[in-house]
Amino acid sequence: MSKFIVVGEVRGVHGLKGFFKITSFTENPENIFKYKSFNIGKNYSSINLKKIKVLPNGYIVSCKEVDTREKSELIVGSLIEIESSELSEINNHKKYYFHELINLEVKDENEKKLGTVCSVENYGSADLIEVRNKDQKDFFIPFSKTTIKKVDLEKKLLLVQNVSEYLN
């Protein structure tokens, strides 16, 4: 079973020929066009996106499957996904794709279980690990050298330090 990774979102329509505006979630926004095949929402799979124009906050794109304004209106708000197999390998053992961190067990420097990573977010200033504790309450920990001691993907473990101020 393939795992899909969200790389962008359809934000609006442009013109009458089915062009639509997208926002890229890739580290470098232009990198979204390095991928070959995309799924858009539930209705379109294995499509190719063609960049038409660069916008201040995204791109105007087209694809042969969405060829009218009406069709593009139906996908506004849809997520743009790729198969995880399309992601390039990371050769740096201190860098991770966000999706690799989901469901890791989080322990502090005393091996006390704090919870499980439920998401990774970036609201503009830094990457944040969202941790859900046993009481189903969430809290955020910055993903930084100060707070992340070790990431062990094989053991599904994230060791953190200096995080007492972030706990509820």
Protein backbone atom coordinates (compact mmCIF):
# COMPACT_ATOMS: atom_id res chain seq x y z
CA MET A 1 0.00 0.00 0.00
CA SER A 2 1.41 3.37 -1.01
CA LYS A 3 1.82 6.18 1.46
CA PHE A 4 0.96 9.64 0.20
CA ILE A 5 2.65 12.86 1.30
CA VAL A 6 0.99 16.28 1.08
CA VAL A 7 3.16 18.70 -0.91
CA GLY A 8 0.69 21.51 -1.58
CA GLU A 9 -2.87 22.77 -1.75
CA VAL A 10 -5.18 24.16 -4.42
CA ARG A 11 -6.02 27.73 -3.34
CA GLY A 12 -8.15 29.16 -6.13
CA VAL A 13 -9.07 29.29 -9.81
CA HIS A 14 -7.56 31.40 -12.57
CA GLY A 15 -9.34 32.19 -15.81
CA LEU A 16 -11.72 30.07 -17.85
CA LYS A 17 -9.44 27.28 -19.13
CA GLY A 18 -9.19 25.32 -15.88
CA PHE A 19 -5.99 26.92 -14.60
CA PHE A 20 -5.74 26.97 -10.82
CA LYS A 21 -3.62 28.53 -8.08
CA ILE A 22 -1.59 26.34 -5.76
CA THR A 23 0.56 26.82 -2.69
CA SER A 24 3.61 24.57 -2.37
CA PHE A 25 4.47 23.08 1.03
CA THR A 26 7.93 21.90 -0.05
CA GLU A 27 10.97 23.41 1.68
CA ASN A 28 11.84 25.27 -1.51
CA PRO A 29 8.43 26.03 -3.11
CA GLU A 30 9.80 25.47 -6.63
CA ASN A 31 10.65 21.87 -5.71
CA ILE A 32 7.02 20.84 -6.09
CA PHE A 33 7.64 20.74 -9.84
CA LYS A 34 10.39 18.11 -9.44
CA TYR A 35 7.77 15.45 -8.79
CA LYS A 36 6.28 13.53 -11.69
CA SER A 37 2.82 12.50 -10.60
CA PHE A 38 0.28 14.07 -8.24
CA ASN A 39 -3.06 13.28 -6.67
CA ILE A 40 -5.43 16.19 -6.15
CA GLY A 41 -8.16 15.47 -3.65
CA LYS A 42 -10.11 12.27 -4.20
CA ASN A 43 -11.01 12.86 -7.84
CA TYR A 44 -7.68 13.16 -9.64
CA SER A 45 -4.76 10.75 -9.44
CA SER A 46 -1.52 10.33 -11.36
CA ILE A 47 -1.75 13.76 -12.96
CA ASN A 48 1.05 16.02 -14.16
CA LEU A 49 1.14 19.70 -13.22
CA LYS A 50 2.40 22.33 -15.63
CA LYS A 51 3.64 25.62 -14.19
CA ILE A 52 2.03 28.57 -15.98
CA LYS A 53 3.03 31.53 -13.81
CA VAL A 54 4.83 32.33 -10.55
CA LEU A 55 2.78 34.26 -7.98
CA PRO A 56 3.97 35.98 -4.77
CA ASN A 57 2.43 33.16 -2.68
CA GLY A 58 2.38 30.23 -5.06
CA TYR A 59 1.83 29.32 -8.69
CA ILE A 60 -0.76 29.20 -11.41
CA VAL A 61 -0.76 25.68 -12.88
CA SER A 62 -2.67 23.53 -15.32
CA CYS A 63 -3.20 19.86 -16.03
CA LYS A 64 -4.98 18.14 -18.88
CA GLU A 65 -7.58 16.55 -16.56
CA VAL A 66 -8.82 19.92 -15.26
CA ASP A 67 -9.70 21.85 -18.40
CA THR A 68 -12.62 24.09 -17.40
CA ARG A 69 -13.21 26.71 -14.74
CA GLU A 70 -15.99 24.55 -13.32
CA LYS A 71 -13.62 21.61 -12.82
CA SER A 72 -11.00 23.83 -11.18
CA GLU A 73 -13.64 25.30 -8.83
CA LEU A 74 -14.39 21.77 -7.59
CA ILE A 75 -10.79 21.18 -6.44
CA VAL A 76 -10.26 24.46 -4.55
CA GLY A 77 -9.16 23.52 -1.03
CA SER A 78 -7.95 20.07 -2.12
CA LEU A 79 -4.59 18.78 -1.01
CA ILE A 80 -1.91 17.94 -3.56
CA GLU A 81 -0.14 14.65 -2.77
CA ILE A 82 2.70 12.54 -4.10
CA GLU A 83 3.64 8.94 -3.36
CA SER A 84 6.30 8.78 -0.63
CA SER A 85 8.44 6.70 -3.01
CA GLU A 86 8.99 9.89 -5.06
CA LEU A 87 10.82 11.59 -2.17
CA SER A 88 14.57 11.73 -2.55
CA GLU A 89 16.77 9.99 0.00
CA ILE A 90 18.20 12.17 2.75
CA ASN A 91 21.88 11.41 3.21
CA ASN A 92 22.24 13.57 6.31
CA HIS A 93 21.41 11.60 9.47
CA LYS A 94 20.33 14.82 11.22
CA LYS A 95 17.62 15.74 8.71
CA TYR A 96 14.18 14.16 8.46
CA TYR A 97 10.99 14.43 6.49
CA PHE A 98 8.17 15.58 8.75
CA HIS A 99 6.12 12.45 8.06
CA GLU A 100 8.96 10.26 9.40
CA LEU A 101 8.55 11.83 12.85
CA ILE A 102 4.82 11.12 13.18
CA ASN A 103 4.03 8.43 15.80
CA LEU A 104 7.50 8.48 17.36
CA GLU A 105 7.45 7.98 21.12
CA VAL A 106 8.74 11.09 22.92
CA LYS A 107 10.86 10.70 26.07
CA ASP A 108 12.72 13.29 28.11
CA GLU A 109 16.35 13.12 29.26
CA ASN A 110 15.23 10.97 32.25
CA GLU A 111 13.56 8.43 29.91
CA LYS A 112 10.12 9.57 31.09
CA LYS A 113 7.50 9.08 28.39
CA LEU A 114 5.93 12.42 27.45
CA GLY A 115 3.69 11.23 24.63
CA THR A 116 3.71 10.59 20.90
CA VAL A 117 4.43 12.91 17.98
CA CYS A 118 1.08 13.60 16.32
CA SER A 119 2.17 16.30 13.85
CA VAL A 120 4.97 18.61 12.82
CA GLU A 121 4.07 22.21 12.06
CA ASN A 122 5.75 25.41 11.04
CA TYR A 123 3.84 28.61 11.66
CA GLY A 124 6.60 30.82 10.31
CA SER A 125 9.36 31.00 12.88
CA ALA A 126 10.45 27.40 13.53
CA ASP A 127 9.48 23.76 13.12
CA LEU A 128 7.35 22.56 16.02
CA ILE A 129 6.76 18.98 17.14
CA GLU A 130 3.20 18.48 18.37
CA VAL A 131 3.12 15.84 21.10
CA ARG A 132 -0.03 14.15 22.41
CA ASN A 133 0.25 12.89 25.98
CA LYS A 134 -1.60 9.97 27.59
CA ASP A 135 -4.45 12.30 28.60
CA GLN A 136 -4.96 13.21 24.91
CA LYS A 137 -3.67 16.75 25.52
CA ASP A 138 -1.32 18.26 22.98
CA PHE A 139 1.70 20.50 23.46
CA PHE A 140 4.42 21.82 21.18
CA ILE A 141 8.20 21.45 21.41
CA PRO A 142 10.50 23.42 19.07
CA PHE A 143 12.55 21.19 16.79
CA SER A 144 15.96 22.63 17.64
CA LYS A 145 19.43 21.63 18.85
CA THR A 146 18.44 22.86 22.31
CA THR A 147 15.41 20.58 22.66
CA ILE A 148 16.01 17.54 20.43
CA LYS A 149 18.64 15.23 21.83
CA LYS A 150 18.23 12.26 19.49
CA VAL A 151 15.96 10.97 16.74
CA ASP A 152 15.98 7.20 16.33
CA LEU A 153 13.72 6.21 13.45
CA GLU A 154 14.49 2.50 13.83
CA LYS A 155 13.43 2.47 17.49
CA LYS A 156 10.62 4.97 16.76
CA LEU A 157 11.96 7.21 19.52
CA LEU A 158 12.46 10.96 19.93
CA LEU A 159 14.59 11.94 22.93
CA VAL A 160 14.11 15.53 24.07
CA GLN A 161 15.80 17.77 26.62
CA ASN A 162 15.19 21.16 28.24
CA VAL A 163 11.45 20.93 27.58
CA SER A 164 9.87 21.44 31.01
CA GLU A 165 8.62 24.92 30.04
CA TYR A 166 6.65 23.43 27.12
CA LEU A 167 4.78 20.80 29.13
CA ASN A 168 1.19 21.60 30.18
